[in-house]
Amino acid sequence: DLRGHGDSDWSPGSEYTTAQYAVD
């Protein structure tokens, strides 16, 4: 489950970048 989706945590500060998803 990508961050902010499914049962995964939401990103603090509501910031989502492609780079963060790639690191995950």
PDB file of all heavy atoms in Angstrom:
ATOM      1  N   ASP A   1       0.879  -1.169   0.000  1.00  0.00           N
ATOM      2  CA  ASP A   1       0.000   0.000   0.000  1.00  0.00           C
ATOM      3  C   ASP A   1       0.916   1.218   0.000  1.00  0.00           C
ATOM      4  O   ASP A   1       1.687   1.422   0.955  1.00  0.00           O
ATOM      5  CB  ASP A   1      -0.870   0.037   1.261  1.00  0.00           C
ATOM      6  CG  ASP A   1      -2.007  -0.970   1.233  1.00  0.00           C
ATOM      7  OD1 ASP A   1      -2.638  -1.120   0.175  1.00  0.00           O
ATOM      8  OD2 ASP A   1      -2.270  -1.603   2.279  1.00  0.00           O
ATOM      9  N   LEU A   2       0.877   2.028  -1.051  1.00  0.00           N
ATOM     10  CA  LEU A   2       1.714   3.218  -1.074  1.00  0.00           C
ATOM     11  C   LEU A   2       1.366   4.141   0.085  1.00  0.00           C
ATOM     12  O   LEU A   2       0.244   4.104   0.608  1.00  0.00           O
ATOM     13  CB  LEU A   2       1.532   3.965  -2.401  1.00  0.00           C
ATOM     14  CG  LEU A   2       1.896   3.206  -3.677  1.00  0.00           C
ATOM     15  CD1 LEU A   2       1.648   4.095  -4.897  1.00  0.00           C
ATOM     16  CD2 LEU A   2       3.338   2.720  -3.644  1.00  0.00           C
ATOM     17  N   ARG A   3       2.313   4.972   0.486  1.00  0.00           N
ATOM     18  CA  ARG A   3       2.028   5.930   1.560  1.00  0.00           C
ATOM     19  C   ARG A   3       0.768   6.733   1.208  1.00  0.00           C
ATOM     20  O   ARG A   3       0.536   7.107   0.050  1.00  0.00           O
ATOM     21  CB  ARG A   3       3.202   6.875   1.789  1.00  0.00           C
ATOM     22  CG  ARG A   3       3.569   7.749   0.600  1.00  0.00           C
ATOM     23  CD  ARG A   3       4.542   8.841   0.976  1.00  0.00           C
ATOM     24  NE  ARG A   3       5.767   8.316   1.563  1.00  0.00           N
ATOM     25  CZ  ARG A   3       6.565   9.023   2.357  1.00  0.00           C
ATOM     26  NH1 ARG A   3       6.284  10.278   2.641  1.00  0.00           N
ATOM     27  NH2 ARG A   3       7.655   8.486   2.841  1.00  0.00           N
ATOM     28  N   GLY A   4      -0.084   6.957   2.205  1.00  0.00           N
ATOM     29  CA  GLY A   4      -1.314   7.688   1.959  1.00  0.00           C
ATOM     30  C   GLY A   4      -2.406   6.863   1.315  1.00  0.00           C
ATOM     31  O   GLY A   4      -3.450   7.397   0.930  1.00  0.00           O
ATOM     32  N   HIS A   5      -2.195   5.546   1.198  1.00  0.00           N
ATOM     33  CA  HIS A   5      -3.153   4.660   0.556  1.00  0.00           C
ATOM     34  C   HIS A   5      -3.336   3.393   1.401  1.00  0.00           C
ATOM     35  O   HIS A   5      -2.432   3.001   2.148  1.00  0.00           O
ATOM     36  CB  HIS A   5      -2.679   4.256  -0.839  1.00  0.00           C
ATOM     37  CG  HIS A   5      -2.577   5.382  -1.805  1.00  0.00           C
ATOM     38  ND1 HIS A   5      -1.558   6.316  -1.761  1.00  0.00           N
ATOM     39  CD2 HIS A   5      -3.362   5.729  -2.861  1.00  0.00           C
ATOM     40  CE1 HIS A   5      -1.728   7.190  -2.752  1.00  0.00           C
ATOM     41  NE2 HIS A   5      -2.801   6.855  -3.421  1.00  0.00           N
ATOM     42  N   GLY A   6      -4.477   2.736   1.224  1.00  0.00           N
ATOM     43  CA  GLY A   6      -4.704   1.467   1.904  1.00  0.00           C
ATOM     44  C   GLY A   6      -4.496   1.561   3.405  1.00  0.00           C
ATOM     45  O   GLY A   6      -4.993   2.476   4.067  1.00  0.00           O
ATOM     46  N   ASP A   7      -3.710   0.628   3.939  1.00  0.00           N
ATOM     47  CA  ASP A   7      -3.455   0.590   5.378  1.00  0.00           C
ATOM     48  C   ASP A   7      -2.121   1.223   5.760  1.00  0.00           C
ATOM     49  O   ASP A   7      -1.648   1.046   6.886  1.00  0.00           O
ATOM     50  CB  ASP A   7      -3.489  -0.871   5.862  1.00  0.00           C
ATOM     51  CG  ASP A   7      -4.868  -1.492   5.735  1.00  0.00           C
ATOM     52  OD1 ASP A   7      -5.863  -0.737   5.764  1.00  0.00           O
ATOM     53  OD2 ASP A   7      -4.960  -2.726   5.607  1.00  0.00           O
ATOM     54  N   SER A   8      -1.500   1.936   4.838  1.00  0.00           N
ATOM     55  CA  SER A   8      -0.236   2.614   5.137  1.00  0.00           C
ATOM     56  C   SER A   8      -0.484   3.994   5.738  1.00  0.00           C
ATOM     57  O   SER A   8      -1.539   4.608   5.524  1.00  0.00           O
ATOM     58  CB  SER A   8       0.606   2.761   3.860  1.00  0.00           C
ATOM     59  OG  SER A   8       1.139   1.517   3.463  1.00  0.00           O
ATOM     60  N   ASP A   9       0.507   4.477   6.495  1.00  0.00           N
ATOM     61  CA  ASP A   9       0.397   5.799   7.111  1.00  0.00           C
ATOM     62  C   ASP A   9       0.256   6.895   6.066  1.00  0.00           C
ATOM     63  O   ASP A   9       0.753   6.782   4.934  1.00  0.00           O
ATOM     64  CB  ASP A   9       1.662   6.097   7.938  1.00  0.00           C
ATOM     65  CG  ASP A   9       1.672   5.397   9.275  1.00  0.00           C
ATOM     66  OD1 ASP A   9       0.634   4.814   9.659  1.00  0.00           O
ATOM     67  OD2 ASP A   9       2.724   5.426   9.945  1.00  0.00           O
ATOM     68  N   TRP A  10      -0.398   7.966   6.489  1.00  0.00           N
ATOM     69  CA  TRP A  10      -0.447   9.181   5.682  1.00  0.00           C
ATOM     70  C   TRP A  10       0.809  10.003   5.966  1.00  0.00           C
ATOM     71  O   TRP A  10       1.383   9.935   7.056  1.00  0.00           O
ATOM     72  CB  TRP A  10      -1.678   9.999   6.019  1.00  0.00           C
ATOM     73  CG  TRP A  10      -2.964   9.363   5.565  1.00  0.00           C
ATOM     74  CD1 TRP A  10      -3.132   8.109   5.061  1.00  0.00           C
ATOM     75  CD2 TRP A  10      -4.261   9.962   5.586  1.00  0.00           C
ATOM     76  NE1 TRP A  10      -4.446   7.881   4.759  1.00  0.00           N
ATOM     77  CE2 TRP A  10      -5.169   9.001   5.068  1.00  0.00           C
ATOM     78  CE3 TRP A  10      -4.749  11.211   5.986  1.00  0.00           C
ATOM     79  CZ2 TRP A  10      -6.542   9.268   4.944  1.00  0.00           C
ATOM     80  CZ3 TRP A  10      -6.102  11.472   5.852  1.00  0.00           C
ATOM     81  CH2 TRP A  10      -6.991  10.513   5.333  1.00  0.00           C
ATOM     82  N   SER A  11       1.218  10.784   5.006  1.00  0.00           N
ATOM     83  CA  SER A  11       2.441  11.570   5.147  1.00  0.00           C
ATOM     84  C   SER A  11       2.209  12.789   6.031  1.00  0.00           C
ATOM     85  O   SER A  11       1.284  13.569   5.775  1.00  0.00           O
ATOM     86  CB  SER A  11       2.926  12.022   3.769  1.00  0.00           C
ATOM     87  OG  SER A  11       4.122  12.743   3.865  1.00  0.00           O
ATOM     88  N   PRO A  12       3.013  12.985   7.075  1.00  0.00           N
ATOM     89  CA  PRO A  12       2.875  14.177   7.922  1.00  0.00           C
ATOM     90  C   PRO A  12       3.064  15.444   7.095  1.00  0.00           C
ATOM     91  O   PRO A  12       3.900  15.507   6.193  1.00  0.00           O
ATOM     92  CB  PRO A  12       4.013  14.023   8.947  1.00  0.00           C
ATOM     93  CG  PRO A  12       4.331  12.564   8.939  1.00  0.00           C
ATOM     94  CD  PRO A  12       4.097  12.108   7.535  1.00  0.00           C
ATOM     95  N   GLY A  13       2.267  16.457   7.401  1.00  0.00           N
ATOM     96  CA  GLY A  13       2.364  17.693   6.650  1.00  0.00           C
ATOM     97  C   GLY A  13       1.678  17.624   5.302  1.00  0.00           C
ATOM     98  O   GLY A  13       1.704  18.571   4.526  1.00  0.00           O
ATOM     99  N   SER A  14       1.077  16.457   5.005  1.00  0.00           N
ATOM    100  CA  SER A  14       0.314  16.282   3.769  1.00  0.00           C
ATOM    101  C   SER A  14       1.153  16.494   2.520  1.00  0.00           C
ATOM    102  O   SER A  14       0.657  16.942   1.491  1.00  0.00           O
ATOM    103  CB  SER A  14      -0.893  17.233   3.751  1.00  0.00           C
ATOM    104  OG  SER A  14      -1.695  17.026   4.884  1.00  0.00           O
ATOM    105  N   GLU A  15       2.437  16.187   2.585  1.00  0.00           N
ATOM    106  CA  GLU A  15       3.332  16.352   1.443  1.00  0.00           C
ATOM    107  C   GLU A  15       3.614  14.988   0.820  1.00  0.00           C
ATOM    108  O   GLU A  15       4.037  14.059   1.502  1.00  0.00           O
ATOM    109  CB  GLU A  15       4.645  16.999   1.889  1.00  0.00           C
ATOM    110  CG  GLU A  15       5.504  17.480   0.729  1.00  0.00           C
ATOM    111  CD  GLU A  15       4.845  18.576  -0.071  1.00  0.00           C
ATOM    112  OE1 GLU A  15       4.317  19.532   0.534  1.00  0.00           O
ATOM    113  OE2 GLU A  15       4.840  18.472  -1.312  1.00  0.00           O
ATOM    114  N   TYR A  16       3.364  14.887  -0.477  1.00  0.00           N
ATOM    115  CA  TYR A  16       3.614  13.656  -1.223  1.00  0.00           C
ATOM    116  C   TYR A  16       4.397  13.992  -2.484  1.00  0.00           C
ATOM    117  O   TYR A  16       3.952  14.805  -3.292  1.00  0.00           O
ATOM    118  CB  TYR A  16       2.294  12.968  -1.616  1.00  0.00           C
ATOM    119  CG  TYR A  16       1.498  12.449  -0.446  1.00  0.00           C
ATOM    120  CD1 TYR A  16       0.566  13.258   0.193  1.00  0.00           C
ATOM    121  CD2 TYR A  16       1.687  11.158   0.025  1.00  0.00           C
ATOM    122  CE1 TYR A  16      -0.175  12.783   1.264  1.00  0.00           C
ATOM    123  CE2 TYR A  16       0.960  10.669   1.105  1.00  0.00           C
ATOM    124  CZ  TYR A  16       0.029  11.493   1.722  1.00  0.00           C
ATOM    125  OH  TYR A  16      -0.698  11.017   2.797  1.00  0.00           O
ATOM    126  N   THR A  17       5.548  13.380  -2.644  1.00  0.00           N
ATOM    127  CA  THR A  17       6.328  13.581  -3.857  1.00  0.00           C
ATOM    128  C   THR A  17       6.654  12.220  -4.466  1.00  0.00           C
ATOM    129  O   THR A  17       6.689  11.201  -3.771  1.00  0.00           O
ATOM    130  CB  THR A  17       7.648  14.319  -3.571  1.00  0.00           C
ATOM    131  OG1 THR A  17       8.501  13.464  -2.786  1.00  0.00           O
ATOM    132  CG2 THR A  17       7.409  15.632  -2.831  1.00  0.00           C
ATOM    133  N   THR A  18       6.907  12.231  -5.766  1.00  0.00           N
ATOM    134  CA  THR A  18       7.286  10.988  -6.431  1.00  0.00           C
ATOM    135  C   THR A  18       8.559  10.424  -5.816  1.00  0.00           C
ATOM    136  O   THR A  18       8.708   9.206  -5.671  1.00  0.00           O
ATOM    137  CB  THR A  18       7.495  11.233  -7.934  1.00  0.00           C
ATOM    138  OG1 THR A  18       6.369  11.941  -8.456  1.00  0.00           O
ATOM    139  CG2 THR A  18       7.660   9.922  -8.680  1.00  0.00           C
ATOM    140  N   ALA A  19       9.485  11.307  -5.460  1.00  0.00           N
ATOM    141  CA  ALA A  19      10.743  10.861  -4.868  1.00  0.00           C
ATOM    142  C   ALA A  19      10.506  10.112  -3.563  1.00  0.00           C
ATOM    143  O   ALA A  19      11.140   9.084  -3.289  1.00  0.00           O
ATOM    144  CB  ALA A  19      11.659  12.055  -4.633  1.00  0.00           C
ATOM    145  N   GLN A  20       9.573  10.596  -2.733  1.00  0.00           N
ATOM    146  CA  GLN A  20       9.278   9.912  -1.475  1.00  0.00           C
ATOM    147  C   GLN A  20       8.721   8.516  -1.729  1.00  0.00           C
ATOM    148  O   GLN A  20       9.102   7.547  -1.068  1.00  0.00           O
ATOM    149  CB  GLN A  20       8.281  10.742  -0.663  1.00  0.00           C
ATOM    150  CG  GLN A  20       8.855  12.025  -0.096  1.00  0.00           C
ATOM    151  CD  GLN A  20       7.787  12.913   0.507  1.00  0.00           C
ATOM    152  OE1 GLN A  20       6.637  12.912   0.059  1.00  0.00           O
ATOM    153  NE2 GLN A  20       8.150  13.685   1.520  1.00  0.00           N
ATOM    154  N   TYR A  21       7.826   8.416  -2.693  1.00  0.00           N
ATOM    155  CA  TYR A  21       7.276   7.098  -3.036  1.00  0.00           C
ATOM    156  C   TYR A  21       8.372   6.162  -3.544  1.00  0.00           C
ATOM    157  O   TYR A  21       8.376   4.966  -3.235  1.00  0.00           O
ATOM    158  CB  TYR A  21       6.209   7.245  -4.119  1.00  0.00           C
ATOM    159  CG  TYR A  21       4.880   7.794  -3.645  1.00  0.00           C
ATOM    160  CD1 TYR A  21       4.470   9.080  -3.995  1.00  0.00           C
ATOM    161  CD2 TYR A  21       4.016   7.013  -2.883  1.00  0.00           C
ATOM    162  CE1 TYR A  21       3.241   9.578  -3.594  1.00  0.00           C
ATOM    163  CE2 TYR A  21       2.792   7.505  -2.476  1.00  0.00           C
ATOM    164  CZ  TYR A  21       2.409   8.791  -2.829  1.00  0.00           C
ATOM    165  OH  TYR A  21       1.182   9.276  -2.422  1.00  0.00           O
ATOM    166  N   ALA A  22       9.307   6.702  -4.332  1.00  0.00           N
ATOM    167  CA  ALA A  22      10.392   5.870  -4.862  1.00  0.00           C
ATOM    168  C   ALA A  22      11.298   5.373  -3.734  1.00  0.00           C
ATOM    169  O   ALA A  22      11.754   4.219  -3.756  1.00  0.00           O
ATOM    170  CB  ALA A  22      11.200   6.648  -5.891  1.00  0.00           C
ATOM    171  N   VAL A  23      11.564   6.231  -2.744  1.00  0.00           N
ATOM    172  CA  VAL A  23      12.366   5.799  -1.594  1.00  0.00           C
ATOM    173  C   VAL A  23      11.645   4.680  -0.850  1.00  0.00           C
ATOM    174  O   VAL A  23      12.264   3.685  -0.434  1.00  0.00           O
ATOM    175  CB  VAL A  23      12.658   6.989  -0.655  1.00  0.00           C
ATOM    176  CG1 VAL A  23      13.329   6.506   0.635  1.00  0.00           C
ATOM    177  CG2 VAL A  23      13.557   8.014  -1.346  1.00  0.00           C
ATOM    178  N   ASP A  24      10.342   4.813  -0.677  1.00  0.00           N
ATOM    179  CA  ASP A  24       9.565   3.759  -0.016  1.00  0.00           C
ATOM    180  C   ASP A  24       9.695   2.439  -0.764  1.00  0.00           C
ATOM    181  O   ASP A  24       9.903   1.380  -0.161  1.00  0.00           O
ATOM    182  CB  ASP A  24       8.088   4.153   0.058  1.00  0.00           C
ATOM    183  CG  ASP A  24       7.824   5.368   0.920  1.00  0.00           C
ATOM    184  OD1 ASP A  24       8.682   5.708   1.759  1.00  0.00           O
ATOM    185  OD2 ASP A  24       6.755   5.984   0.743  1.00  0.00           O
TER     186      ASP A  24
END
